Amino acid sequence: MTAADISGVVPVAAAAFPDHFEDRACFEERLALFSQGGFVLADGDVVKGYLIAYPWPHGKIPPLNSRLGGVPDTTETLYLHDLALHPDVRGQGHARPIVERLVESARAWGAERIALVSVNGTRAFWQGFGFEPVTDDPAITQKLASYGDGALYMVKGIANEQAGVVR
């Protein structure tokens, strides 16, 4: 992902997450803070999907539609902020390759885990990539309230996975 892609990322985000609005400045800041964690799926110059991830403290959830102000110096935990595909390219097998690429990159950066918040009924989707819900932390449960019903904090450990294998 480059700064020039943000104009295409914003409408994909709006289509994928209508109940979780985030403005352009949020995407710009996240990309500026950790550019290596931004990826796009494009058809020519048209953004059809994106993934954005960055270092974040384990067990913490960044607030929606707000600036981060910075990211940790270590990449122990990567937070997968969004994986979004435009409706006309969903179901075509684009998600698995980019998630696998993120896992490989995260491992190379020294990450031990990837965390995310599952919204819009995507628990089974993320479990298919090896993410498991964290349900025993009251602070996380309280923070998830702003993400809507059914939101789950999920984590995938990657430090001990065999390179190239995603479970």
C-alpha atoms as a PDB file:
ATOM      1  CA  MET A   1       0.000   0.000   0.000  1.00  0.00           C
ATOM      2  CA  THR A   2       1.166   3.493  -0.800  1.00  0.00           C
ATOM      3  CA  ALA A   3      -0.223   6.890   0.142  1.00  0.00           C
ATOM      4  CA  ALA A   4      -1.710   7.092  -3.360  1.00  0.00           C
ATOM      5  CA  ASP A   5      -3.808   3.970  -2.619  1.00  0.00           C
ATOM      6  CA  ILE A   6      -5.655   5.570   0.317  1.00  0.00           C
ATOM      7  CA  SER A   7      -8.234   7.173  -1.994  1.00  0.00           C
ATOM      8  CA  GLY A   8      -9.220   3.661  -3.089  1.00  0.00           C
ATOM      9  CA  VAL A   9      -8.938   2.107   0.378  1.00  0.00           C
ATOM     10  CA  VAL A  10     -11.479   4.455   2.001  1.00  0.00           C
ATOM     11  CA  PRO A  11     -14.476   3.430  -0.181  1.00  0.00           C
ATOM     12  CA  VAL A  12     -13.582  -0.276   0.165  1.00  0.00           C
ATOM     13  CA  ALA A  13     -13.528   0.191   3.953  1.00  0.00           C
ATOM     14  CA  ALA A  14     -16.895   1.955   3.860  1.00  0.00           C
ATOM     15  CA  ALA A  15     -18.408  -0.904   1.832  1.00  0.00           C
ATOM     16  CA  ALA A  16     -16.914  -3.615   4.043  1.00  0.00           C
ATOM     17  CA  PHE A  17     -17.489  -1.967   7.419  1.00  0.00           C
ATOM     18  CA  PRO A  18     -20.540   0.322   7.194  1.00  0.00           C
ATOM     19  CA  ASP A  19     -21.030   0.213  10.979  1.00  0.00           C
ATOM     20  CA  HIS A  20     -17.356   0.883  11.802  1.00  0.00           C
ATOM     21  CA  PHE A  21     -16.546   4.141  10.016  1.00  0.00           C
ATOM     22  CA  GLU A  22     -12.968   5.350   9.970  1.00  0.00           C
ATOM     23  CA  ASP A  23     -11.892   8.475   8.167  1.00  0.00           C
ATOM     24  CA  ARG A  24      -9.110   8.879   5.650  1.00  0.00           C
ATOM     25  CA  ALA A  25      -6.723  10.336   8.246  1.00  0.00           C
ATOM     26  CA  CYS A  26      -6.828   7.069  10.226  1.00  0.00           C
ATOM     27  CA  PHE A  27      -5.626   5.082   7.221  1.00  0.00           C
ATOM     28  CA  GLU A  28      -3.009   7.678   6.358  1.00  0.00           C
ATOM     29  CA  GLU A  29      -1.613   7.624   9.880  1.00  0.00           C
ATOM     30  CA  ARG A  30      -1.531   3.824  10.150  1.00  0.00           C
ATOM     31  CA  LEU A  31       0.285   3.576   6.826  1.00  0.00           C
ATOM     32  CA  ALA A  32       2.753   6.303   7.837  1.00  0.00           C
ATOM     33  CA  LEU A  33       3.456   4.606  11.177  1.00  0.00           C
ATOM     34  CA  PHE A  34       4.067   1.112   9.737  1.00  0.00           C
ATOM     35  CA  SER A  35       4.076   1.162   5.941  1.00  0.00           C
ATOM     36  CA  GLN A  36       5.287  -2.429   5.638  1.00  0.00           C
ATOM     37  CA  GLY A  37       1.979  -3.582   7.138  1.00  0.00           C
ATOM     38  CA  GLY A  38      -0.167  -2.185   4.321  1.00  0.00           C
ATOM     39  CA  PHE A  39      -1.188  -4.261   1.290  1.00  0.00           C
ATOM     40  CA  VAL A  40      -3.676  -3.676  -1.525  1.00  0.00           C
ATOM     41  CA  LEU A  41      -5.464  -5.830  -4.042  1.00  0.00           C
ATOM     42  CA  ALA A  42      -5.789  -3.766  -7.199  1.00  0.00           C
ATOM     43  CA  ASP A  43      -7.245  -4.168 -10.649  1.00  0.00           C
ATOM     44  CA  GLY A  44      -5.027  -1.737 -12.514  1.00  0.00           C
ATOM     45  CA  ASP A  45      -5.313   1.492 -10.557  1.00  0.00           C
ATOM     46  CA  VAL A  46      -8.571   0.491  -8.849  1.00  0.00           C
ATOM     47  CA  VAL A  47      -8.255  -0.735  -5.255  1.00  0.00           C
ATOM     48  CA  LYS A  48     -10.424  -3.806  -4.754  1.00  0.00           C
ATOM     49  CA  GLY A  49      -9.200  -4.778  -1.306  1.00  0.00           C
ATOM     50  CA  TYR A  50      -6.647  -4.072   1.360  1.00  0.00           C
ATOM     51  CA  LEU A  51      -5.054  -5.340   4.536  1.00  0.00           C
ATOM     52  CA  ILE A  52      -3.472  -3.074   7.121  1.00  0.00           C
ATOM     53  CA  ALA A  53      -1.590  -4.238  10.209  1.00  0.00           C
ATOM     54  CA  TYR A  54       0.824  -2.660  12.669  1.00  0.00           C
ATOM     55  CA  PRO A  55       2.562  -3.379  15.983  1.00  0.00           C
ATOM     56  CA  TRP A  56       0.262  -2.969  18.975  1.00  0.00           C
ATOM     57  CA  PRO A  57       0.376  -4.117  22.609  1.00  0.00           C
ATOM     58  CA  HIS A  58      -0.970  -7.627  23.120  1.00  0.00           C
ATOM     59  CA  GLY A  59      -4.424  -7.634  24.684  1.00  0.00           C
ATOM     60  CA  LYS A  60      -5.115  -4.013  23.780  1.00  0.00           C
ATOM     61  CA  ILE A  61      -7.594  -2.831  21.166  1.00  0.00           C
ATOM     62  CA  PRO A  62      -7.049   0.448  19.327  1.00  0.00           C
ATOM     63  CA  PRO A  63     -10.057   2.765  19.386  1.00  0.00           C
ATOM     64  CA  LEU A  64     -12.111   3.030  16.216  1.00  0.00           C
ATOM     65  CA  ASN A  65     -11.780   6.120  14.041  1.00  0.00           C
ATOM     66  CA  SER A  66      -9.016   7.721  16.063  1.00  0.00           C
ATOM     67  CA  ARG A  67      -5.337   8.419  15.654  1.00  0.00           C
ATOM     68  CA  LEU A  68      -2.878   6.054  17.302  1.00  0.00           C
ATOM     69  CA  GLY A  69      -0.185   8.647  17.892  1.00  0.00           C
ATOM     70  CA  GLY A  70       2.494   5.988  17.516  1.00  0.00           C
ATOM     71  CA  VAL A  71       3.115   2.258  17.579  1.00  0.00           C
ATOM     72  CA  PRO A  72       5.388   0.176  19.809  1.00  0.00           C
ATOM     73  CA  ASP A  73       9.030  -0.166  18.811  1.00  0.00           C
ATOM     74  CA  THR A  74       8.729  -3.951  18.982  1.00  0.00           C
ATOM     75  CA  THR A  75       6.711  -6.169  16.660  1.00  0.00           C
ATOM     76  CA  GLU A  76       5.949  -8.816  19.301  1.00  0.00           C
ATOM     77  CA  THR A  77       2.247  -8.522  18.488  1.00  0.00           C
ATOM     78  CA  LEU A  78       0.883  -7.285  15.177  1.00  0.00           C
ATOM     79  CA  TYR A  79      -2.663  -5.988  15.132  1.00  0.00           C
ATOM     80  CA  LEU A  80      -4.493  -6.824  11.912  1.00  0.00           C
ATOM     81  CA  HIS A  81      -6.606  -3.692  11.780  1.00  0.00           C
ATOM     82  CA  ASP A  82      -8.556  -4.506   8.622  1.00  0.00           C
ATOM     83  CA  LEU A  83      -8.846  -7.032   5.867  1.00  0.00           C
ATOM     84  CA  ALA A  84     -11.453  -5.736   3.461  1.00  0.00           C
ATOM     85  CA  LEU A  85     -12.526  -6.785  -0.005  1.00  0.00           C
ATOM     86  CA  HIS A  86     -14.894  -4.924  -2.277  1.00  0.00           C
ATOM     87  CA  PRO A  87     -18.147  -6.909  -2.662  1.00  0.00           C
ATOM     88  CA  ASP A  88     -17.440  -7.669  -6.335  1.00  0.00           C
ATOM     89  CA  VAL A  89     -14.239  -9.613  -5.493  1.00  0.00           C
ATOM     90  CA  ARG A  90     -15.362 -11.478  -2.374  1.00  0.00           C
ATOM     91  CA  GLY A  91     -15.392 -15.248  -2.509  1.00  0.00           C
ATOM     92  CA  GLN A  92     -12.693 -15.408  -5.187  1.00  0.00           C
ATOM     93  CA  GLY A  93      -9.845 -16.657  -2.982  1.00  0.00           C
ATOM     94  CA  HIS A  94      -8.098 -13.327  -2.360  1.00  0.00           C
ATOM     95  CA  ALA A  95      -8.098 -13.461   1.452  1.00  0.00           C
ATOM     96  CA  ARG A  96      -5.921 -16.529   2.063  1.00  0.00           C
ATOM     97  CA  PRO A  97      -2.854 -15.371   0.078  1.00  0.00           C
ATOM     98  CA  ILE A  98      -2.710 -11.979   1.782  1.00  0.00           C
ATOM     99  CA  VAL A  99      -3.222 -13.410   5.269  1.00  0.00           C
ATOM    100  CA  GLU A 100      -0.479 -15.965   4.559  1.00  0.00           C
ATOM    101  CA  ARG A 101       1.785 -13.171   3.330  1.00  0.00           C
ATOM    102  CA  LEU A 102       1.111 -11.192   6.501  1.00  0.00           C
ATOM    103  CA  VAL A 103       1.939 -14.237   8.647  1.00  0.00           C
ATOM    104  CA  GLU A 104       5.222 -14.776   6.765  1.00  0.00           C
ATOM    105  CA  SER A 105       6.104 -11.083   7.053  1.00  0.00           C
ATOM    106  CA  ALA A 106       5.156 -10.945  10.725  1.00  0.00           C
ATOM    107  CA  ARG A 107       7.345 -13.946  11.456  1.00  0.00           C
ATOM    108  CA  ALA A 108      10.251 -12.261   9.621  1.00  0.00           C
ATOM    109  CA  TRP A 109       9.688  -9.100  11.698  1.00  0.00           C
ATOM    110  CA  GLY A 110       9.951 -11.199  14.873  1.00  0.00           C
ATOM    111  CA  ALA A 111       6.282 -11.220  15.813  1.00  0.00           C
ATOM    112  CA  GLU A 112       4.998 -13.895  18.165  1.00  0.00           C
ATOM    113  CA  ARG A 113       1.333 -13.393  17.368  1.00  0.00           C
ATOM    114  CA  ILE A 114      -1.222 -11.548  15.282  1.00  0.00           C
ATOM    115  CA  ALA A 115      -4.345 -10.145  16.929  1.00  0.00           C
ATOM    116  CA  LEU A 116      -7.549  -8.712  15.491  1.00  0.00           C
ATOM    117  CA  VAL A 117     -11.136  -7.859  16.283  1.00  0.00           C
ATOM    118  CA  SER A 118     -13.623  -9.996  14.397  1.00  0.00           C
ATOM    119  CA  VAL A 119     -16.778  -8.079  13.407  1.00  0.00           C
ATOM    120  CA  ASN A 120     -19.757  -8.721  11.130  1.00  0.00           C
ATOM    121  CA  GLY A 121     -20.027 -12.404  12.060  1.00  0.00           C
ATOM    122  CA  THR A 122     -16.544 -13.364  10.818  1.00  0.00           C
ATOM    123  CA  ARG A 123     -15.512 -15.615  13.729  1.00  0.00           C
ATOM    124  CA  ALA A 124     -15.551 -18.813  11.632  1.00  0.00           C
ATOM    125  CA  PHE A 125     -13.696 -17.063   8.803  1.00  0.00           C
ATOM    126  CA  TRP A 126     -10.852 -16.082  11.151  1.00  0.00           C
ATOM    127  CA  GLN A 127     -10.836 -19.444  12.897  1.00  0.00           C
ATOM    128  CA  GLY A 128     -10.180 -20.940   9.460  1.00  0.00           C
ATOM    129  CA  PHE A 129      -6.866 -19.047   9.539  1.00  0.00           C
ATOM    130  CA  GLY A 130      -6.015 -20.297  13.028  1.00  0.00           C
ATOM    131  CA  PHE A 131      -7.212 -17.315  15.074  1.00  0.00           C
ATOM    132  CA  GLU A 132      -8.854 -18.134  18.393  1.00  0.00           C
ATOM    133  CA  PRO A 133     -11.139 -15.894  20.461  1.00  0.00           C
ATOM    134  CA  VAL A 134      -9.983 -14.456  23.777  1.00  0.00           C
ATOM    135  CA  THR A 135     -13.027 -14.522  26.007  1.00  0.00           C
ATOM    136  CA  ASP A 136     -11.607 -14.496  29.537  1.00  0.00           C
ATOM    137  CA  ASP A 137     -10.421 -10.880  29.798  1.00  0.00           C
ATOM    138  CA  PRO A 138     -13.001  -8.412  31.209  1.00  0.00           C
ATOM    139  CA  ALA A 139     -11.033  -5.370  29.959  1.00  0.00           C
ATOM    140  CA  ILE A 140     -11.121  -6.701  26.407  1.00  0.00           C
ATOM    141  CA  THR A 141     -14.812  -7.561  26.694  1.00  0.00           C
ATOM    142  CA  GLN A 142     -15.562  -3.990  27.825  1.00  0.00           C
ATOM    143  CA  LYS A 143     -13.536  -2.452  24.990  1.00  0.00           C
ATOM    144  CA  LEU A 144     -15.313  -4.658  22.414  1.00  0.00           C
ATOM    145  CA  ALA A 145     -18.646  -3.028  23.247  1.00  0.00           C
ATOM    146  CA  SER A 146     -17.812  -0.160  20.892  1.00  0.00           C
ATOM    147  CA  TYR A 147     -17.391  -2.652  18.033  1.00  0.00           C
ATOM    148  CA  GLY A 148     -20.961  -3.973  18.207  1.00  0.00           C
ATOM    149  CA  ASP A 149     -22.652  -7.245  19.068  1.00  0.00           C
ATOM    150  CA  GLY A 150     -20.650 -10.368  18.386  1.00  0.00           C
ATOM    151  CA  ALA A 151     -17.268  -8.620  18.171  1.00  0.00           C
ATOM    152  CA  LEU A 152     -14.419 -10.844  19.344  1.00  0.00           C
ATOM    153  CA  TYR A 153     -10.756 -10.236  20.078  1.00  0.00           C
ATOM    154  CA  MET A 154      -8.911 -13.083  18.370  1.00  0.00           C
ATOM    155  CA  VAL A 155      -5.249 -14.128  18.409  1.00  0.00           C
ATOM    156  CA  LYS A 156      -3.107 -16.370  16.254  1.00  0.00           C
ATOM    157  CA  GLY A 157       0.259 -17.479  17.635  1.00  0.00           C
ATOM    158  CA  ILE A 158       2.901 -17.629  14.909  1.00  0.00           C
ATOM    159  CA  ALA A 159       6.235 -17.876  16.723  1.00  0.00           C
ATOM    160  CA  ASN A 160       6.244 -21.673  16.819  1.00  0.00           C
ATOM    161  CA  GLU A 161       4.557 -22.366  13.492  1.00  0.00           C
ATOM    162  CA  GLN A 162       6.584 -24.041  10.820  1.00  0.00           C
ATOM    163  CA  ALA A 163       7.566 -21.467   8.195  1.00  0.00           C
ATOM    164  CA  GLY A 164       5.231 -21.554   5.213  1.00  0.00           C
ATOM    165  CA  VAL A 165       2.469 -23.423   7.023  1.00  0.00           C
ATOM    166  CA  VAL A 166      -0.653 -21.605   8.089  1.00  0.00           C
ATOM    167  CA  ARG A 167      -3.134 -23.534  10.181  1.00  0.00           C
END
